[in-house]
PDB file of N, CA and C in Angstrom:
ATOM      1  N   MET A   1     165.758  76.114-205.742  1.00  0.00           N
ATOM      2  CA  MET A   1     164.393  75.630-205.549  1.00  0.00           C
ATOM      3  C   MET A   1     163.517  76.145-206.686  1.00  0.00           C
ATOM      4  N   ASN A   2     162.628  75.301-207.123  1.00  0.00           N
ATOM      5  CA  ASN A   2     161.649  75.731-208.117  1.00  0.00           C
ATOM      6  C   ASN A   2     160.287  75.904-207.424  1.00  0.00           C
ATOM      7  N   VAL A   3     159.298  76.306-208.182  1.00  0.00           N
ATOM      8  CA  VAL A   3     157.965  76.575-207.626  1.00  0.00           C
ATOM      9  C   VAL A   3     157.419  75.354-206.882  1.00  0.00           C
ATOM     10  N   GLU A   4     157.542  74.185-207.485  1.00  0.00           N
ATOM     11  CA  GLU A   4     156.995  72.969-206.873  1.00  0.00           C
ATOM     12  C   GLU A   4     157.716  72.633-205.560  1.00  0.00           C
ATOM     13  N   GLU A   5     159.024  72.827-205.523  1.00  0.00           N
ATOM     14  CA  GLU A   5     159.781  72.562-204.289  1.00  0.00           C
ATOM     15  C   GLU A   5     159.394  73.555-203.191  1.00  0.00           C
ATOM     16  N   ILE A   6     159.209  74.806-203.551  1.00  0.00           N
ATOM     17  CA  ILE A   6     158.780  75.813-202.574  1.00  0.00           C
ATOM     18  C   ILE A   6     157.392  75.450-202.047  1.00  0.00           C
ATOM     19  N   ARG A   7     156.496  75.098-202.947  1.00  0.00           N
ATOM     20  CA  ARG A   7     155.134  74.709-202.563  1.00  0.00           C
ATOM     21  C   ARG A   7     155.163  73.503-201.628  1.00  0.00           C
ATOM     22  N   ASN A   8     155.904  72.481-201.991  1.00  0.00           N
ATOM     23  CA  ASN A   8     155.976  71.275-201.157  1.00  0.00           C
ATOM     24  C   ASN A   8     156.546  71.578-199.777  1.00  0.00           C
ATOM     25  N   PHE A   9     157.559  72.437-199.720  1.00  0.00           N
ATOM     26  CA  PHE A   9     158.137  72.789-198.420  1.00  0.00           C
ATOM     27  C   PHE A   9     157.106  73.537-197.567  1.00  0.00           C
ATOM     28  N   ALA A  10     156.431  74.507-198.162  1.00  0.00           N
ATOM     29  CA  ALA A  10     155.437  75.282-197.409  1.00  0.00           C
ATOM     30  C   ALA A  10     154.331  74.369-196.879  1.00  0.00           C
ATOM     31  N   LEU A  11     153.879  73.448-197.715  1.00  0.00           N
ATOM     32  CA  LEU A  11     152.801  72.550-197.299  1.00  0.00           C
ATOM     33  C   LEU A  11     153.259  71.518-196.276  1.00  0.00           C
ATOM     34  N   SER A  12     154.571  71.339-196.125  1.00  0.00           N
ATOM     35  CA  SER A  12     155.083  70.392-195.125  1.00  0.00           C
ATOM     36  C   SER A  12     155.021  70.969-193.711  1.00  0.00           C
ATOM     37  N   LEU A  13     154.821  72.282-193.604  1.00  0.00           N
ATOM     38  CA  LEU A  13     154.723  72.928-192.297  1.00  0.00           C
ATOM     39  C   LEU A  13     153.326  72.667-191.726  1.00  0.00           C
ATOM     40  N   ASN A  14     153.215  72.694-190.415  1.00  0.00           N
ATOM     41  CA  ASN A  14     151.951  72.372-189.742  1.00  0.00           C
ATOM     42  C   ASN A  14     150.842  73.386-190.044  1.00  0.00           C
ATOM     43  N   HIS A  15     149.638  72.865-190.278  1.00  0.00           N
ATOM     44  CA  HIS A  15     148.417  73.669-190.410  1.00  0.00           C
ATOM     45  C   HIS A  15     148.504  74.712-191.522  1.00  0.00           C
ATOM     46  N   VAL A  16     149.094  74.346-192.650  1.00  0.00           N
ATOM     47  CA  VAL A  16     149.221  75.266-193.779  1.00  0.00           C
ATOM     48  C   VAL A  16     148.181  74.908-194.836  1.00  0.00           C
ATOM     49  N   ILE A  17     147.538  75.956-195.349  1.00  0.00           N
ATOM     50  CA  ILE A  17     146.630  75.770-196.477  1.00  0.00           C
ATOM     51  C   ILE A  17     147.102  76.681-197.612  1.00  0.00           C
ATOM     52  N   GLU A  18     146.769  76.291-198.827  1.00  0.00           N
ATOM     53  CA  GLU A  18     147.104  77.102-199.992  1.00  0.00           C
ATOM     54  C   GLU A  18     145.810  77.537-200.664  1.00  0.00           C
ATOM     55  N   SER A  19     145.867  78.704-201.286  1.00  0.00           N
ATOM     56  CA  SER A  19     144.682  79.219-201.982  1.00  0.00           C
ATOM     57  C   SER A  19     145.113  80.255-203.010  1.00  0.00           C
ATOM     58  N   PHE A  20     144.147  80.740-203.778  1.00  0.00           N
ATOM     59  CA  PHE A  20     144.377  81.757-204.800  1.00  0.00           C
ATOM     60  C   PHE A  20     143.452  82.950-204.562  1.00  0.00           C
ATOM     61  N   PRO A  21     143.569  83.649-203.424  1.00  0.00           N
ATOM     62  CA  PRO A  21     142.639  84.750-203.145  1.00  0.00           C
ATOM     63  C   PRO A  21     142.836  85.974-204.040  1.00  0.00           C
ATOM     64  N   PHE A  22     143.978  86.079-204.704  1.00  0.00           N
ATOM     65  CA  PHE A  22     144.273  87.246-205.543  1.00  0.00           C
ATOM     66  C   PHE A  22     144.263  86.897-207.030  1.00  0.00           C
ATOM     67  N   GLY A  23     143.671  85.779-207.395  1.00  0.00           N
ATOM     68  CA  GLY A  23     143.644  85.339-208.785  1.00  0.00           C
ATOM     69  C   GLY A  23     144.576  84.160-209.003  1.00  0.00           C
ATOM     70  N   GLU A  24     144.520  83.616-210.190  1.00  0.00           N
ATOM     71  CA  GLU A  24     145.240  82.385-210.494  1.00  0.00           C
ATOM     72  C   GLU A  24     146.755  82.548-210.613  1.00  0.00           C
ATOM     73  N   SER A  25     147.247  83.765-210.596  1.00  0.00           N
ATOM     74  CA  SER A  25     148.680  83.973-210.815  1.00  0.00           C
ATOM     75  C   SER A  25     149.512  84.033-209.531  1.00  0.00           C
ATOM     76  N   VAL A  26     148.862  84.030-208.360  1.00  0.00           N
ATOM     77  CA  VAL A  26     149.610  84.085-207.095  1.00  0.00           C
ATOM     78  C   VAL A  26     149.088  83.019-206.134  1.00  0.00           C
ATOM     79  N   LEU A  27     149.953  82.088-205.819  1.00  0.00           N
ATOM     80  CA  LEU A  27     149.624  81.036-204.854  1.00  0.00           C
ATOM     81  C   LEU A  27     149.952  81.569-203.464  1.00  0.00           C
ATOM     82  N   VAL A  28     148.970  81.504-202.553  1.00  0.00           N
ATOM     83  CA  VAL A  28     149.107  82.077-201.209  1.00  0.00           C
ATOM     84  C   VAL A  28     149.059  80.949-200.184  1.00  0.00           C
ATOM     85  N   PHE A  29     150.002  81.015-199.236  1.00  0.00           N
ATOM     86  CA  PHE A  29     150.065  80.021-198.160  1.00  0.00           C
ATOM     87  C   PHE A  29     149.763  80.716-196.844  1.00  0.00           C
ATOM     88  N   LYS A  30     148.870  80.084-196.065  1.00  0.00           N
ATOM     89  CA  LYS A  30     148.448  80.652-194.788  1.00  0.00           C
ATOM     90  C   LYS A  30     148.551  79.601-193.688  1.00  0.00           C
ATOM     91  N   THR A  31     148.740  80.104-192.482  1.00  0.00           N
ATOM     92  CA  THR A  31     148.569  79.287-191.298  1.00  0.00           C
ATOM     93  C   THR A  31     147.687  80.085-190.349  1.00  0.00           C
ATOM     94  N   ASN A  32     146.733  79.444-189.735  1.00  0.00           N
ATOM     95  CA  ASN A  32     145.778  80.120-188.857  1.00  0.00           C
ATOM     96  C   ASN A  32     145.152  81.344-189.529  1.00  0.00           C
ATOM     97  N   ASN A  33     144.871  81.196-190.819  1.00  0.00           N
ATOM     98  CA  ASN A  33     144.236  82.242-191.621  1.00  0.00           C
ATOM     99  C   ASN A  33     145.097  83.484-191.815  1.00  0.00           C
ATOM    100  N   LYS A  34     146.407  83.373-191.610  1.00  0.00           N
ATOM    101  CA  LYS A  34     147.342  84.487-191.801  1.00  0.00           C
ATOM    102  C   LYS A  34     148.338  84.124-192.891  1.00  0.00           C
ATOM    103  N   ILE A  35     148.547  85.040-193.828  1.00  0.00           N
ATOM    104  CA  ILE A  35     149.473  84.805-194.940  1.00  0.00           C
ATOM    105  C   ILE A  35     150.916  84.848-194.440  1.00  0.00           C
ATOM    106  N   PHE A  36     151.718  83.856-194.861  1.00  0.00           N
ATOM    107  CA  PHE A  36     153.147  83.892-194.568  1.00  0.00           C
ATOM    108  C   PHE A  36     154.000  83.752-195.831  1.00  0.00           C
ATOM    109  N   LEU A  37     153.391  83.375-196.957  1.00  0.00           N
ATOM    110  CA  LEU A  37     154.153  83.179-198.188  1.00  0.00           C
ATOM    111  C   LEU A  37     153.255  83.435-199.387  1.00  0.00           C
ATOM    112  N   LEU A  38     153.748  84.253-200.301  1.00  0.00           N
ATOM    113  CA  LEU A  38     153.076  84.472-201.581  1.00  0.00           C
ATOM    114  C   LEU A  38     154.034  84.028-202.672  1.00  0.00           C
ATOM    115  N   LEU A  39     153.525  83.231-203.591  1.00  0.00           N
ATOM    116  CA  LEU A  39     154.355  82.641-204.638  1.00  0.00           C
ATOM    117  C   LEU A  39     153.743  82.974-206.006  1.00  0.00           C
ATOM    118  N   PRO A  40     154.291  84.005-206.676  1.00  0.00           N
ATOM    119  CA  PRO A  40     153.761  84.348-208.004  1.00  0.00           C
ATOM    120  C   PRO A  40     154.090  83.249-209.012  1.00  0.00           C
ATOM    121  N   LEU A  41     153.118  82.938-209.847  1.00  0.00           N
ATOM    122  CA  LEU A  41     153.297  81.878-210.834  1.00  0.00           C
ATOM    123  C   LEU A  41     153.491  82.421-212.245  1.00  0.00           C
ATOM    124  N   ASP A  42     153.335  83.727-212.420  1.00  0.00           N
ATOM    125  CA  ASP A  42     153.377  84.327-213.759  1.00  0.00           C
ATOM    126  C   ASP A  42     154.647  85.154-214.001  1.00  0.00           C
ATOM    127  N   VAL A  43     155.730  84.830-213.308  1.00  0.00           N
ATOM    128  CA  VAL A  43     156.986  85.558-213.477  1.00  0.00           C
ATOM    129  C   VAL A  43     158.011  84.652-214.162  1.00  0.00           C
ATOM    130  N   LEU A  44     158.945  85.253-214.860  1.00  0.00           N
ATOM    131  CA  LEU A  44     159.965  84.473-215.564  1.00  0.00           C
ATOM    132  C   LEU A  44     160.948  83.835-214.590  1.00  0.00           C
ATOM    133  N   GLU A  45     161.343  84.590-213.585  1.00  0.00           N
ATOM    134  CA  GLU A  45     162.308  84.105-212.593  1.00  0.00           C
ATOM    135  C   GLU A  45     161.562  83.806-211.292  1.00  0.00           C
ATOM    136  N   THR A  46     161.745  82.609-210.757  1.00  0.00           N
ATOM    137  CA  THR A  46     161.050  82.226-209.526  1.00  0.00           C
ATOM    138  C   THR A  46     161.383  83.208-208.413  1.00  0.00           C
ATOM    139  N   GLN A  47     160.350  83.618-207.703  1.00  0.00           N
ATOM    140  CA  GLN A  47     160.496  84.522-206.564  1.00  0.00           C
ATOM    141  C   GLN A  47     159.332  84.286-205.617  1.00  0.00           C
ATOM    142  N   PHE A  48     159.482  84.782-204.393  1.00  0.00           N
ATOM    143  CA  PHE A  48     158.378  84.692-203.446  1.00  0.00           C
ATOM    144  C   PHE A  48     158.480  85.813-202.435  1.00  0.00           C
ATOM    145  N   ASN A  49     157.353  86.104-201.768  1.00  0.00           N
ATOM    146  CA  ASN A  49     157.305  87.111-200.713  1.00  0.00           C
ATOM    147  C   ASN A  49     157.141  86.407-199.377  1.00  0.00           C
ATOM    148  N   VAL A  50     157.925  86.851-198.390  1.00  0.00           N
ATOM    149  CA  VAL A  50     157.824  86.318-197.037  1.00  0.00           C
ATOM    150  C   VAL A  50     157.834  87.461-196.033  1.00  0.00           C
ATOM    151  N   LYS A  51     157.171  87.224-194.923  1.00  0.00           N
ATOM    152  CA  LYS A  51     157.166  88.170-193.817  1.00  0.00           C
ATOM    153  C   LYS A  51     158.506  88.049-193.093  1.00  0.00           C
ATOM    154  N   CYS A  52     158.960  89.162-192.509  1.00  0.00           N
ATOM    155  CA  CYS A  52     160.276  89.170-191.874  1.00  0.00           C
ATOM    156  C   CYS A  52     160.301  90.214-190.766  1.00  0.00           C
ATOM    157  N   ASP A  53     161.024  89.927-189.702  1.00  0.00           N
ATOM    158  CA  ASP A  53     161.259  90.927-188.669  1.00  0.00           C
ATOM    159  C   ASP A  53     161.869  92.150-189.356  1.00  0.00           C
ATOM    160  N   PRO A  54     161.380  93.371-189.076  1.00  0.00           N
ATOM    161  CA  PRO A  54     161.854  94.560-189.799  1.00  0.00           C
ATOM    162  C   PRO A  54     163.372  94.764-189.769  1.00  0.00           C
ATOM    163  N   GLU A  55     164.013  94.535-188.651  1.00  0.00           N
ATOM    164  CA  GLU A  55     165.467  94.720-188.574  1.00  0.00           C
ATOM    165  C   GLU A  55     166.204  93.673-189.401  1.00  0.00           C
ATOM    166  N   ILE A  56     165.731  92.446-189.349  1.00  0.00           N
ATOM    167  CA  ILE A  56     166.350  91.372-190.129  1.00  0.00           C
ATOM    168  C   ILE A  56     166.087  91.600-191.620  1.00  0.00           C
ATOM    169  N   ALA A  57     164.913  92.109-191.953  1.00  0.00           N
ATOM    170  CA  ALA A  57     164.579  92.382-193.358  1.00  0.00           C
ATOM    171  C   ALA A  57     165.603  93.337-193.972  1.00  0.00           C
ATOM    172  N   ILE A  58     165.917  94.393-193.264  1.00  0.00           N
ATOM    173  CA  ILE A  58     166.892  95.370-193.761  1.00  0.00           C
ATOM    174  C   ILE A  58     168.277  94.736-193.864  1.00  0.00           C
ATOM    175  N   GLU A  59     168.655  93.982-192.853  1.00  0.00           N
ATOM    176  CA  GLU A  59     169.957  93.313-192.856  1.00  0.00           C
ATOM    177  C   GLU A  59     170.092  92.371-194.058  1.00  0.00           C
ATOM    178  N   LEU A  60     169.048  91.591-194.332  1.00  0.00           N
ATOM    179  CA  LEU A  60     169.082  90.669-195.469  1.00  0.00           C
ATOM    180  C   LEU A  60     169.163  91.423-196.793  1.00  0.00           C
ATOM    181  N   ARG A  61     168.446  92.531-196.915  1.00  0.00           N
ATOM    182  CA  ARG A  61     168.497  93.334-198.144  1.00  0.00           C
ATOM    183  C   ARG A  61     169.887  93.906-198.374  1.00  0.00           C
ATOM    184  N   GLU A  62     170.538  94.314-197.280  1.00  0.00           N
ATOM    185  CA  GLU A  62     171.898  94.859-197.401  1.00  0.00           C
ATOM    186  C   GLU A  62     172.909  93.763-197.735  1.00  0.00           C
ATOM    187  N   ARG A  63     172.748  92.597-197.152  1.00  0.00           N
ATOM    188  CA  ARG A  63     173.683  91.492-197.360  1.00  0.00           C
ATOM    189  C   ARG A  63     173.521  90.863-198.750  1.00  0.00           C
ATOM    190  N   TYR A  64     172.277  90.779-199.239  1.00  0.00           N
ATOM    191  CA  TYR A  64     171.982  90.135-200.525  1.00  0.00           C
ATOM    192  C   TYR A  64     171.156  91.083-201.406  1.00  0.00           C
ATOM    193  N   PRO A  65     171.748  92.214-201.826  1.00  0.00           N
ATOM    194  CA  PRO A  65     170.956  93.246-202.519  1.00  0.00           C
ATOM    195  C   PRO A  65     170.335  92.812-203.844  1.00  0.00           C
ATOM    196  N   GLU A  66     170.864  91.794-204.481  1.00  0.00           N
ATOM    197  CA  GLU A  66     170.301  91.359-205.755  1.00  0.00           C
ATOM    198  C   GLU A  66     169.250  90.261-205.579  1.00  0.00           C
ATOM    199  N   SER A  67     169.226  89.642-204.401  1.00  0.00           N
ATOM    200  CA  SER A  67     168.324  88.507-204.172  1.00  0.00           C
ATOM    201  C   SER A  67     167.219  88.783-203.160  1.00  0.00           C
ATOM    202  N   VAL A  68     167.425  89.755-202.280  1.00  0.00           N
ATOM    203  CA  VAL A  68     166.420  90.082-201.264  1.00  0.00           C
ATOM    204  C   VAL A  68     166.033  91.546-201.447  1.00  0.00           C
ATOM    205  N   LEU A  69     164.787  91.752-201.828  1.00  0.00           N
ATOM    206  CA  LEU A  69     164.279  93.085-202.151  1.00  0.00           C
ATOM    207  C   LEU A  69     163.119  93.436-201.230  1.00  0.00           C
ATOM    208  N   PRO A  70     162.816  94.731-201.099  1.00  0.00           N
ATOM    209  CA  PRO A  70     161.618  95.094-200.338  1.00  0.00           C
ATOM    210  C   PRO A  70     160.397  94.412-200.949  1.00  0.00           C
ATOM    211  N   GLY A  71     159.461  93.992-200.122  1.00  0.00           N
ATOM    212  CA  GLY A  71     158.300  93.224-200.576  1.00  0.00           C
ATOM    213  C   GLY A  71     157.515  93.902-201.679  1.00  0.00           C
ATOM    214  N   TYR A  72     157.428  93.265-202.824  1.00  0.00           N
ATOM    215  CA  TYR A  72     156.687  93.778-203.967  1.00  0.00           C
ATOM    216  C   TYR A  72     155.198  93.758-203.652  1.00  0.00           C
ATOM    217  N   HIS A  73     154.543  94.906-203.749  1.00  0.00           N
ATOM    218  CA  HIS A  73     153.109  95.070-203.455  1.00  0.00           C
ATOM    219  C   HIS A  73     152.771  94.722-202.005  1.00  0.00           C
ATOM    220  N   MET A  74     153.734  94.841-201.104  1.00  0.00           N
ATOM    221  CA  MET A  74     153.527  94.487-199.697  1.00  0.00           C
ATOM    222  C   MET A  74     154.044  95.625-198.828  1.00  0.00           C
ATOM    223  N   ASN A  75     153.776  95.546-197.524  1.00  0.00           N
ATOM    224  CA  ASN A  75     154.352  96.480-196.571  1.00  0.00           C
ATOM    225  C   ASN A  75     155.858  96.229-196.547  1.00  0.00           C
ATOM    226  N   LYS A  76     156.624  97.169-197.068  1.00  0.00           N
ATOM    227  CA  LYS A  76     158.061  96.966-197.249  1.00  0.00           C
ATOM    228  C   LYS A  76     158.845  96.901-195.938  1.00  0.00           C
ATOM    229  N   LYS A  77     158.224  97.312-194.861  1.00  0.00           N
ATOM    230  CA  LYS A  77     158.879  97.201-193.555  1.00  0.00           C
ATOM    231  C   LYS A  77     158.885  95.748-193.078  1.00  0.00           C
ATOM    232  N   HIS A  78     157.820  95.010-193.389  1.00  0.00           N
ATOM    233  CA  HIS A  78     157.638  93.667-192.836  1.00  0.00           C
ATOM    234  C   HIS A  78     157.770  92.533-193.859  1.00  0.00           C
ATOM    235  N   TRP A  79     157.881  92.848-195.144  1.00  0.00           N
ATOM    236  CA  TRP A  79     157.895  91.813-196.172  1.00  0.00           C
ATOM    237  C   TRP A  79     159.088  91.977-197.099  1.00  0.00           C
ATOM    238  N   ASN A  80     159.677  90.858-197.491  1.00  0.00           N
ATOM    239  CA  ASN A  80     160.744  90.834-198.483  1.00  0.00           C
ATOM    240  C   ASN A  80     160.305  90.002-199.679  1.00  0.00           C
ATOM    241  N   THR A  81     160.762  90.409-200.845  1.00  0.00           N
ATOM    242  CA  THR A  81     160.648  89.590-202.040  1.00  0.00           C
ATOM    243  C   THR A  81     161.990  88.908-202.234  1.00  0.00           C
ATOM    244  N   ILE A  82     161.954  87.590-202.344  1.00  0.00           N
ATOM    245  CA  ILE A  82     163.164  86.788-202.462  1.00  0.00           C
ATOM    246  C   ILE A  82     163.268  86.278-203.897  1.00  0.00           C
ATOM    247  N   MET A  83     164.368  86.611-204.552  1.00  0.00           N
ATOM    248  CA  MET A  83     164.614  86.150-205.914  1.00  0.00           C
ATOM    249  C   MET A  83     165.339  84.805-205.828  1.00  0.00           C
ATOM    250  N   VAL A  84     164.774  83.793-206.432  1.00  0.00           N
ATOM    251  CA  VAL A  84     165.377  82.463-206.426  1.00  0.00           C
ATOM    252  C   VAL A  84     166.258  82.385-207.676  1.00  0.00           C
ATOM    253  N   ASP A  85     167.449  82.967-207.531  1.00  0.00           N
ATOM    254  CA  ASP A  85     168.337  83.140-208.684  1.00  0.00           C
ATOM    255  C   ASP A  85     169.658  82.368-208.548  1.00  0.00           C
ATOM    256  N   GLY A  86     169.727  81.471-207.556  1.00  0.00           N
ATOM    257  CA  GLY A  86     170.937  80.683-207.372  1.00  0.00           C
ATOM    258  C   GLY A  86     171.956  81.316-206.442  1.00  0.00           C
ATOM    259  N   ARG A  87     171.723  82.560-206.042  1.00  0.00           N
ATOM    260  CA  ARG A  87     172.666  83.226-205.132  1.00  0.00           C
ATOM    261  C   ARG A  87     172.453  82.798-203.685  1.00  0.00           C
ATOM    262  N   LEU A  88     171.220  82.451-203.336  1.00  0.00           N
ATOM    263  CA  LEU A  88     170.906  81.971-201.994  1.00  0.00           C
ATOM    264  C   LEU A  88     170.774  80.453-202.040  1.00  0.00           C
ATOM    265  N   THR A  89     171.224  79.796-201.002  1.00  0.00           N
ATOM    266  CA  THR A  89     171.147  78.338-200.956  1.00  0.00           C
ATOM    267  C   THR A  89     169.717  77.888-200.650  1.00  0.00           C
ATOM    268  N   THR A  90     169.450  76.632-200.921  1.00  0.00           N
ATOM    269  CA  THR A  90     168.143  76.057-200.581  1.00  0.00           C
ATOM    270  C   THR A  90     167.893  76.191-199.088  1.00  0.00           C
ATOM    271  N   LEU A  91     168.915  75.986-198.285  1.00  0.00           N
ATOM    272  CA  LEU A  91     168.780  76.122-196.830  1.00  0.00           C
ATOM    273  C   LEU A  91     168.387  77.552-196.454  1.00  0.00           C
ATOM    274  N   GLN A  92     168.999  78.546-197.080  1.00  0.00           N
ATOM    275  CA  GLN A  92     168.645  79.938-196.797  1.00  0.00           C
ATOM    276  C   GLN A  92     167.200  80.234-197.206  1.00  0.00           C
ATOM    277  N   LEU A  93     166.798  79.741-198.361  1.00  0.00           N
ATOM    278  CA  LEU A  93     165.427  79.970-198.828  1.00  0.00           C
ATOM    279  C   LEU A  93     164.421  79.326-197.881  1.00  0.00           C
ATOM    280  N   LYS A  94     164.678  78.090-197.492  1.00  0.00           N
ATOM    281  CA  LYS A  94     163.776  77.405-196.559  1.00  0.00           C
ATOM    282  C   LYS A  94     163.742  78.117-195.212  1.00  0.00           C
ATOM    283  N   SER A  95     164.874  78.626-194.784  1.00  0.00           N
ATOM    284  CA  SER A  95     164.947  79.351-193.515  1.00  0.00           C
ATOM    285  C   SER A  95     164.078  80.611-193.558  1.00  0.00           C
ATOM    286  N   MET A  96     164.106  81.317-194.672  1.00  0.00           N
ATOM    287  CA  MET A  96     163.287  82.523-194.806  1.00  0.00           C
ATOM    288  C   MET A  96     161.795  82.182-194.785  1.00  0.00           C
ATOM    289  N   ILE A  97     161.429  81.093-195.435  1.00  0.00           N
ATOM    290  CA  ILE A  97     160.031  80.656-195.422  1.00  0.00           C
ATOM    291  C   ILE A  97     159.626  80.231-194.013  1.00  0.00           C
ATOM    292  N   SER A  98     160.493  79.469-193.355  1.00  0.00           N
ATOM    293  CA  SER A  98     160.209  79.015-191.981  1.00  0.00           C
ATOM    294  C   SER A  98     160.100  80.186-191.021  1.00  0.00           C
ATOM    295  N   ASP A  99     160.995  81.153-191.150  1.00  0.00           N
ATOM    296  CA  ASP A  99     160.949  82.329-190.273  1.00  0.00           C
ATOM    297  C   ASP A  99     159.638  83.083-190.450  1.00  0.00           C
ATOM    298  N   SER A 100     159.188  83.230-191.694  1.00  0.00           N
ATOM    299  CA  SER A 100     157.920  83.902-191.964  1.00  0.00           C
ATOM    300  C   SER A 100     156.763  83.129-191.336  1.00  0.00           C
ATOM    301  N   TYR A 101     156.776  81.826-191.515  1.00  0.00           N
ATOM    302  CA  TYR A 101     155.760  80.951-190.934  1.00  0.00           C
ATOM    303  C   TYR A 101     155.716  81.109-189.413  1.00  0.00           C
ATOM    304  N   LEU A 102     156.883  81.102-188.782  1.00  0.00           N
ATOM    305  CA  LEU A 102     156.944  81.225-187.316  1.00  0.00           C
ATOM    306  C   LEU A 102     156.470  82.596-186.846  1.00  0.00           C
ATOM    307  N   LEU A 103     156.828  83.652-187.565  1.00  0.00           N
ATOM    308  CA  LEU A 103     156.362  85.001-187.212  1.00  0.00           C
ATOM    309  C   LEU A 103     154.840  85.053-187.224  1.00  0.00           C
ATOM    310  N   VAL A 104     154.238  84.532-188.265  1.00  0.00           N
ATOM    311  CA  VAL A 104     152.786  84.561-188.412  1.00  0.00           C
ATOM    312  C   VAL A 104     152.126  83.625-187.386  1.00  0.00           C
ATOM    313  N   SER A 105     152.725  82.481-187.151  1.00  0.00           N
ATOM    314  CA  SER A 105     152.175  81.531-186.177  1.00  0.00           C
ATOM    315  C   SER A 105     152.134  82.127-184.781  1.00  0.00           C
ATOM    316  N   LYS A 106     153.201  82.814-184.404  1.00  0.00           N
ATOM    317  CA  LYS A 106     153.266  83.441-183.077  1.00  0.00           C
ATOM    318  C   LYS A 106     152.193  84.501-182.918  1.00  0.00           C
ATOM    319  N   LYS A 107     152.005  85.327-183.949  1.00  0.00           N
ATOM    320  CA  LYS A 107     151.015  86.397-183.868  1.00  0.00           C
ATOM    321  C   LYS A 107     149.600  85.846-183.823  1.00  0.00           C
ATOM    322  N   SER A 108     149.385  84.708-184.450  1.00  0.00           N
ATOM    323  CA  SER A 108     148.037  84.124-184.500  1.00  0.00           C
ATOM    324  C   SER A 108     147.573  83.620-183.152  1.00  0.00           C
ATOM    325  N   LYS A 109     148.504  83.329-182.265  1.00  0.00           N
ATOM    326  CA  LYS A 109     148.128  82.728-180.973  1.00  0.00           C
ATOM    327  C   LYS A 109     147.740  83.762-179.928  1.00  0.00           C
ATOM    328  N   HIS A 110     147.916  85.037-180.222  1.00  0.00           N
ATOM    329  CA  HIS A 110     147.566  86.068-179.249  1.00  0.00           C
ATOM    330  C   HIS A 110     146.104  86.371-179.261  1.00  0.00           C
TER     331      HIS A 110
END
């Protein structure tokens, strides 16, 4: 997936808006005013940050140590940085984005 494909997928989810609250170099996707995806635009290798259940976050980092890293500039317990380097399939990448979206959506309804 490239930046445009990630953006299009995120925007295909219900009630998602995009913005640049941290400057022009990071595209942020929110649902119900809660961030679920950060997409840096100023990096050489495509990557993104997603929210993740803490136990699953650790499991993913152990299973894919070169592609799933603790969230860069984020709470490392709840966020992962995903390197889009060809090691993870498009389905896996979309699943991580969807899982983050669902986590944030659930919390927003309380």
